[in-house]
C-alpha atoms as a PDB file:
ATOM      1  CA  MET A   1      48.997  -5.458 250.915  1.00  0.00           C
ATOM      2  CA  SER A   2      47.653  -6.915 247.665  1.00  0.00           C
ATOM      3  CA  ASP A   3      51.091  -6.542 246.060  1.00  0.00           C
ATOM      4  CA  MET A   4      52.455  -8.737 248.846  1.00  0.00           C
ATOM      5  CA  MET A   5      49.804 -11.395 248.121  1.00  0.00           C
ATOM      6  CA  VAL A   6      50.581 -11.341 244.381  1.00  0.00           C
ATOM      7  CA  ALA A   7      54.311 -11.695 245.060  1.00  0.00           C
ATOM      8  CA  ARG A   8      53.651 -14.530 247.521  1.00  0.00           C
ATOM      9  CA  GLU A   9      51.466 -16.410 245.016  1.00  0.00           C
ATOM     10  CA  GLN A  10      53.973 -15.817 242.259  1.00  0.00           C
ATOM     11  CA  LEU A  11      56.775 -17.142 244.446  1.00  0.00           C
ATOM     12  CA  ARG A  12      54.705 -20.179 245.456  1.00  0.00           C
ATOM     13  CA  SER A  13      53.948 -20.889 241.791  1.00  0.00           C
ATOM     14  CA  ILE A  14      57.622 -20.678 240.844  1.00  0.00           C
ATOM     15  CA  VAL A  15      58.684 -22.983 243.675  1.00  0.00           C
ATOM     16  CA  GLU A  16      55.955 -25.521 242.835  1.00  0.00           C
ATOM     17  CA  ARG A  17      56.949 -25.542 239.158  1.00  0.00           C
ATOM     18  CA  ILE A  18      60.588 -26.112 240.100  1.00  0.00           C
ATOM     19  CA  GLU A  19      59.591 -28.938 242.440  1.00  0.00           C
ATOM     20  CA  ARG A  20      57.472 -30.561 239.732  1.00  0.00           C
ATOM     21  CA  LEU A  21      60.335 -30.375 237.240  1.00  0.00           C
ATOM     22  CA  GLU A  22      62.758 -31.815 239.805  1.00  0.00           C
ATOM     23  CA  GLU A  23      60.397 -34.783 240.229  1.00  0.00           C
ATOM     24  CA  GLU A  24      60.253 -35.250 236.456  1.00  0.00           C
ATOM     25  CA  LYS A  25      64.035 -34.996 236.266  1.00  0.00           C
ATOM     26  CA  LYS A  26      64.396 -37.736 238.884  1.00  0.00           C
ATOM     27  CA  ALA A  27      61.925 -39.970 237.029  1.00  0.00           C
ATOM     28  CA  ILE A  28      63.865 -39.478 233.775  1.00  0.00           C
ATOM     29  CA  ALA A  29      67.181 -40.200 235.529  1.00  0.00           C
ATOM     30  CA  ASP A  30      65.648 -43.425 236.897  1.00  0.00           C
ATOM     31  CA  ASP A  31      64.512 -44.387 233.386  1.00  0.00           C
ATOM     32  CA  ILE A  32      68.001 -43.747 231.989  1.00  0.00           C
ATOM     33  CA  ARG A  33      69.538 -45.839 234.774  1.00  0.00           C
ATOM     34  CA  ASP A  34      67.134 -48.677 233.893  1.00  0.00           C
ATOM     35  CA  ILE A  35      68.165 -48.512 230.225  1.00  0.00           C
ATOM     36  CA  TYR A  36      71.857 -48.703 231.156  1.00  0.00           C
ATOM     37  CA  ALA A  37      71.070 -51.706 233.395  1.00  0.00           C
ATOM     38  CA  GLU A  38      69.293 -53.340 230.449  1.00  0.00           C
ATOM     39  CA  ALA A  39      72.286 -52.638 228.211  1.00  0.00           C
ATOM     40  CA  LYS A  40      74.636 -54.164 230.797  1.00  0.00           C
ATOM     41  CA  ALA A  41      72.400 -57.234 231.108  1.00  0.00           C
ATOM     42  CA  ASN A  42      72.657 -57.625 227.327  1.00  0.00           C
ATOM     43  CA  GLY A  43      76.457 -57.588 227.475  1.00  0.00           C
ATOM     44  CA  PHE A  44      77.179 -53.982 226.524  1.00  0.00           C
ATOM     45  CA  ASP A  45      79.942 -52.032 228.276  1.00  0.00           C
ATOM     46  CA  THR A  46      78.060 -49.213 229.969  1.00  0.00           C
ATOM     47  CA  LYS A  47      81.144 -47.027 230.446  1.00  0.00           C
ATOM     48  CA  VAL A  48      81.761 -47.047 226.718  1.00  0.00           C
ATOM     49  CA  LEU A  49      78.061 -46.606 226.037  1.00  0.00           C
ATOM     50  CA  ARG A  50      78.048 -43.462 228.198  1.00  0.00           C
ATOM     51  CA  GLN A  51      81.056 -42.153 226.267  1.00  0.00           C
ATOM     52  CA  VAL A  52      79.271 -42.798 222.970  1.00  0.00           C
ATOM     53  CA  VAL A  53      76.192 -40.911 224.184  1.00  0.00           C
ATOM     54  CA  THR A  54      78.395 -38.001 225.263  1.00  0.00           C
ATOM     55  CA  LEU A  55      80.242 -37.953 221.929  1.00  0.00           C
ATOM     56  CA  ARG A  56      76.983 -37.939 219.967  1.00  0.00           C
ATOM     57  CA  LYS A  57      75.999 -34.710 221.718  1.00  0.00           C
ATOM     58  CA  LYS A  58      79.024 -32.921 220.239  1.00  0.00           C
ATOM     59  CA  ASP A  59      79.501 -31.844 216.654  1.00  0.00           C
ATOM     60  CA  MET A  60      82.294 -33.340 214.550  1.00  0.00           C
ATOM     61  CA  THR A  61      84.600 -30.322 214.846  1.00  0.00           C
ATOM     62  CA  GLU A  62      84.361 -30.226 218.628  1.00  0.00           C
ATOM     63  CA  ARG A  63      85.044 -33.985 218.831  1.00  0.00           C
ATOM     64  CA  GLN A  64      88.061 -33.695 216.532  1.00  0.00           C
ATOM     65  CA  GLU A  65      89.507 -30.812 218.549  1.00  0.00           C
ATOM     66  CA  GLN A  66      89.096 -32.708 221.814  1.00  0.00           C
ATOM     67  CA  GLU A  67      90.596 -35.881 220.320  1.00  0.00           C
ATOM     68  CA  ALA A  68      93.609 -33.925 219.035  1.00  0.00           C
ATOM     69  CA  ILE A  69      94.207 -32.350 222.450  1.00  0.00           C
ATOM     70  CA  ARG A  70      93.699 -35.704 224.210  1.00  0.00           C
ATOM     71  CA  ASP A  71      96.195 -37.367 221.860  1.00  0.00           C
ATOM     72  CA  LEU A  72      98.692 -34.551 222.456  1.00  0.00           C
ATOM     73  CA  TYR A  73      98.391 -35.049 226.227  1.00  0.00           C
ATOM     74  CA  LEU A  74      98.698 -38.833 225.927  1.00  0.00           C
ATOM     75  CA  GLN A  75     101.737 -38.480 223.705  1.00  0.00           C
ATOM     76  CA  ALA A  76     103.354 -36.057 226.182  1.00  0.00           C
ATOM     77  CA  LEU A  77     102.791 -38.633 228.929  1.00  0.00           C
ATOM     78  CA  GLY A  78     104.350 -41.391 226.838  1.00  0.00           C
ATOM     79  CA  MET A  79     101.060 -43.200 226.412  1.00  0.00           C
ATOM     80  CA  LEU A  80     101.093 -42.894 222.589  1.00  0.00           C
ATOM     81  CA  PRO A  81     103.991 -43.476 220.218  1.00  0.00           C
ATOM     82  CA  ASP A  82     105.965 -40.378 219.384  1.00  0.00           C
ATOM     83  CA  PHE A  83     105.845 -40.323 215.600  1.00  0.00           C
ATOM     84  CA  GLU A  84     108.678 -37.791 215.287  1.00  0.00           C
ATOM     85  CA  GLU A  85     111.139 -40.073 217.067  1.00  0.00           C
ATOM     86  CA  ASP A  86     109.745 -43.227 215.498  1.00  0.00           C
ATOM     87  CA  SER A  87     111.624 -43.761 212.277  1.00  0.00           C
ATOM     88  CA  SER A  88     110.795 -46.547 209.852  1.00  0.00           C
ATOM     89  CA  ALA A  89     114.363 -46.504 208.507  1.00  0.00           C
ATOM     90  CA  PRO A  90     116.644 -49.128 210.023  1.00  0.00           C
ATOM     91  CA  THR A  91     119.340 -47.842 212.365  1.00  0.00           C
ATOM     92  CA  ALA A  92     122.968 -48.866 211.977  1.00  0.00           C
END
């Protein structure tokens, strides 16, 4: 019976810790939202600001790899100039 009480208390403790962290997470998310609102009020583009924050989380190699793949996809969709077909020599 005492094992059941220990397990119950342990479970309660775990759940309460998770709940406390969820509350902290919500408070932090609210703070971040307020900072983005401040940035927008000061004329910053918040979409671009979010992208900058995301890029700063990645190391240079990871960013370069993703940019290369993105550019490849954009080129395949005709959204970037195709440098192989683009010739600087005049055509006759």
